[in-house]
Amino acid sequence: MSTPVLVTTPVEVVDNMTHERFELWTSGPERSFVGFVAYQLEDPGVYDLRHTIISESYGRQGYARTLVTLVLDQLREREQRIVPTCSYVQRYLERFEQYGDLVAS
């Protein structure tokens, strides 16, 4: 089982419930928006992860993987489940099977 490699830049995930998305931001004085995973709350505790979008300037640098990893870790801590509608999340789950238990049945 492989382990997701995260970017080395300090980042934080914010659950922006108003816009139904988990946002990734760089941390520190030069805080900037990196991207998001859009979701829809299907049932209490079940998040339909619909789209993963990363700003072009952060593309192909591992930020999408970092974002999805941090989101899934956060949802696991909160004892939530997911519906992986997003094709990126689907491919991620195929590669990192240790997150398969988060998928709602």
C-alpha atoms as a PDB file:
ATOM      1  CA  MET A   1       0.000   0.000   0.000  1.00  0.00           C
ATOM      2  CA  SER A   2       1.558   3.311  -1.045  1.00  0.00           C
ATOM      3  CA  THR A   3       1.576   6.471   1.053  1.00  0.00           C
ATOM      4  CA  PRO A   4       0.481   9.806  -0.374  1.00  0.00           C
ATOM      5  CA  VAL A   5       3.372  12.264  -0.629  1.00  0.00           C
ATOM      6  CA  LEU A   6       2.365  15.749   0.415  1.00  0.00           C
ATOM      7  CA  VAL A   7       3.801  19.057  -0.791  1.00  0.00           C
ATOM      8  CA  THR A   8       6.434  20.643   1.429  1.00  0.00           C
ATOM      9  CA  THR A   9       4.846  24.110   1.388  1.00  0.00           C
ATOM     10  CA  PRO A  10       2.865  24.753   4.594  1.00  0.00           C
ATOM     11  CA  VAL A  11      -0.842  24.527   3.724  1.00  0.00           C
ATOM     12  CA  GLU A  12      -4.195  24.397   5.491  1.00  0.00           C
ATOM     13  CA  VAL A  13      -7.616  23.055   4.567  1.00  0.00           C
ATOM     14  CA  VAL A  14     -10.695  25.148   5.337  1.00  0.00           C
ATOM     15  CA  ASP A  15     -14.216  23.683   5.200  1.00  0.00           C
ATOM     16  CA  ASN A  16     -16.096  26.546   3.513  1.00  0.00           C
ATOM     17  CA  MET A  17     -19.643  25.361   4.237  1.00  0.00           C
ATOM     18  CA  THR A  18     -21.173  28.434   2.591  1.00  0.00           C
ATOM     19  CA  HIS A  19     -19.710  27.413  -0.777  1.00  0.00           C
ATOM     20  CA  GLU A  20     -19.817  23.648  -0.063  1.00  0.00           C
ATOM     21  CA  ARG A  21     -16.137  23.085  -0.609  1.00  0.00           C
ATOM     22  CA  PHE A  22     -12.924  22.221   1.164  1.00  0.00           C
ATOM     23  CA  GLU A  23     -10.397  24.914   0.262  1.00  0.00           C
ATOM     24  CA  LEU A  24      -6.619  24.577   0.253  1.00  0.00           C
ATOM     25  CA  TRP A  25      -4.617  27.664   1.232  1.00  0.00           C
ATOM     26  CA  THR A  26      -0.899  28.216   1.653  1.00  0.00           C
ATOM     27  CA  SER A  27      -0.082  29.171   5.233  1.00  0.00           C
ATOM     28  CA  GLY A  28       1.944  32.090   6.487  1.00  0.00           C
ATOM     29  CA  PRO A  29       2.113  35.800   5.730  1.00  0.00           C
ATOM     30  CA  GLU A  30       1.803  35.264   1.964  1.00  0.00           C
ATOM     31  CA  ARG A  31      -1.417  33.222   2.303  1.00  0.00           C
ATOM     32  CA  SER A  32      -2.905  32.350  -1.076  1.00  0.00           C
ATOM     33  CA  PHE A  33      -5.737  30.244  -2.451  1.00  0.00           C
ATOM     34  CA  VAL A  34      -4.568  26.992  -4.067  1.00  0.00           C
ATOM     35  CA  GLY A  35      -7.770  25.139  -4.953  1.00  0.00           C
ATOM     36  CA  PHE A  36     -10.758  23.215  -3.649  1.00  0.00           C
ATOM     37  CA  VAL A  37     -12.763  20.015  -3.520  1.00  0.00           C
ATOM     38  CA  ALA A  38     -16.446  20.814  -4.063  1.00  0.00           C
ATOM     39  CA  TYR A  39     -18.934  18.701  -2.167  1.00  0.00           C
ATOM     40  CA  GLN A  40     -22.607  18.253  -1.518  1.00  0.00           C
ATOM     41  CA  LEU A  41     -23.812  16.901   1.800  1.00  0.00           C
ATOM     42  CA  GLU A  42     -25.932  13.905   0.776  1.00  0.00           C
ATOM     43  CA  ASP A  43     -27.029  12.627   4.175  1.00  0.00           C
ATOM     44  CA  PRO A  44     -25.811  13.606   7.620  1.00  0.00           C
ATOM     45  CA  GLY A  45     -22.170  12.544   7.633  1.00  0.00           C
ATOM     46  CA  VAL A  46     -21.955  11.672   3.909  1.00  0.00           C
ATOM     47  CA  TYR A  47     -20.073  14.022   1.585  1.00  0.00           C
ATOM     48  CA  ASP A  48     -20.420  13.650  -2.178  1.00  0.00           C
ATOM     49  CA  LEU A  49     -16.995  14.842  -3.372  1.00  0.00           C
ATOM     50  CA  ARG A  50     -17.829  16.274  -6.799  1.00  0.00           C
ATOM     51  CA  HIS A  51     -14.890  18.225  -8.248  1.00  0.00           C
ATOM     52  CA  THR A  52     -11.236  18.845  -7.463  1.00  0.00           C
ATOM     53  CA  ILE A  53      -9.960  22.137  -8.865  1.00  0.00           C
ATOM     54  CA  ILE A  54      -6.413  23.498  -8.449  1.00  0.00           C
ATOM     55  CA  SER A  55      -5.376  26.987  -9.581  1.00  0.00           C
ATOM     56  CA  GLU A  56      -3.279  26.844 -12.722  1.00  0.00           C
ATOM     57  CA  SER A  57      -0.220  28.344 -11.013  1.00  0.00           C
ATOM     58  CA  TYR A  58      -0.224  25.406  -8.543  1.00  0.00           C
ATOM     59  CA  GLY A  59      -0.988  22.699 -11.096  1.00  0.00           C
ATOM     60  CA  ARG A  60       1.101  19.540 -11.475  1.00  0.00           C
ATOM     61  CA  GLN A  61       3.003  20.147  -8.225  1.00  0.00           C
ATOM     62  CA  GLY A  62       1.217  17.683  -5.934  1.00  0.00           C
ATOM     63  CA  TYR A  63      -1.334  20.097  -4.501  1.00  0.00           C
ATOM     64  CA  ALA A  64      -4.360  18.090  -5.671  1.00  0.00           C
ATOM     65  CA  ARG A  65      -3.008  14.976  -3.957  1.00  0.00           C
ATOM     66  CA  THR A  66      -2.237  16.989  -0.835  1.00  0.00           C
ATOM     67  CA  LEU A  67      -5.711  18.517  -0.815  1.00  0.00           C
ATOM     68  CA  VAL A  68      -7.510  15.193  -1.218  1.00  0.00           C
ATOM     69  CA  THR A  69      -5.298  13.531   1.404  1.00  0.00           C
ATOM     70  CA  LEU A  70      -5.956  16.273   3.953  1.00  0.00           C
ATOM     71  CA  VAL A  71      -9.692  16.280   3.206  1.00  0.00           C
ATOM     72  CA  LEU A  72      -9.965  12.512   3.593  1.00  0.00           C
ATOM     73  CA  ASP A  73      -7.911  12.584   6.804  1.00  0.00           C
ATOM     74  CA  GLN A  74     -10.161  15.333   8.180  1.00  0.00           C
ATOM     75  CA  LEU A  75     -13.327  13.443   7.248  1.00  0.00           C
ATOM     76  CA  ARG A  76     -11.948  10.280   8.858  1.00  0.00           C
ATOM     77  CA  GLU A  77     -11.270  12.187  12.094  1.00  0.00           C
ATOM     78  CA  ARG A  78     -14.864  13.478  12.023  1.00  0.00           C
ATOM     79  CA  GLU A  79     -16.166   9.923  11.341  1.00  0.00           C
ATOM     80  CA  GLN A  80     -17.756  11.012   8.061  1.00  0.00           C
ATOM     81  CA  ARG A  81     -18.159   9.041   4.811  1.00  0.00           C
ATOM     82  CA  ILE A  82     -17.775   9.985   1.150  1.00  0.00           C
ATOM     83  CA  VAL A  83     -19.313   9.373  -2.249  1.00  0.00           C
ATOM     84  CA  PRO A  84     -16.423   9.774  -4.724  1.00  0.00           C
ATOM     85  CA  THR A  85     -18.149  11.383  -7.721  1.00  0.00           C
ATOM     86  CA  CYS A  86     -15.015  13.351  -8.673  1.00  0.00           C
ATOM     87  CA  SER A  87     -12.851  11.422 -11.150  1.00  0.00           C
ATOM     88  CA  TYR A  88      -9.662  12.625  -9.437  1.00  0.00           C
ATOM     89  CA  VAL A  89     -10.887  11.310  -6.068  1.00  0.00           C
ATOM     90  CA  GLN A  90     -11.852   8.004  -7.732  1.00  0.00           C
ATOM     91  CA  ARG A  91      -8.331   7.587  -9.154  1.00  0.00           C
ATOM     92  CA  TYR A  92      -6.842   8.624  -5.803  1.00  0.00           C
ATOM     93  CA  LEU A  93      -8.837   5.913  -3.994  1.00  0.00           C
ATOM     94  CA  GLU A  94      -7.627   3.294  -6.491  1.00  0.00           C
ATOM     95  CA  ARG A  95      -4.032   4.271  -5.742  1.00  0.00           C
ATOM     96  CA  PHE A  96      -4.364   4.749  -1.976  1.00  0.00           C
ATOM     97  CA  GLU A  97      -6.594   1.896  -0.894  1.00  0.00           C
ATOM     98  CA  GLN A  98      -6.209   2.730   2.807  1.00  0.00           C
ATOM     99  CA  TYR A  99      -8.937   5.363   2.320  1.00  0.00           C
ATOM    100  CA  GLY A 100     -11.440   2.891   0.857  1.00  0.00           C
ATOM    101  CA  ASP A 101     -13.193   2.482   4.193  1.00  0.00           C
ATOM    102  CA  LEU A 102     -14.445   6.074   3.884  1.00  0.00           C
ATOM    103  CA  VAL A 103     -16.634   5.247   0.883  1.00  0.00           C
ATOM    104  CA  ALA A 104     -20.312   5.113   1.857  1.00  0.00           C
ATOM    105  CA  SER A 105     -21.998   1.823   1.024  1.00  0.00           C
END
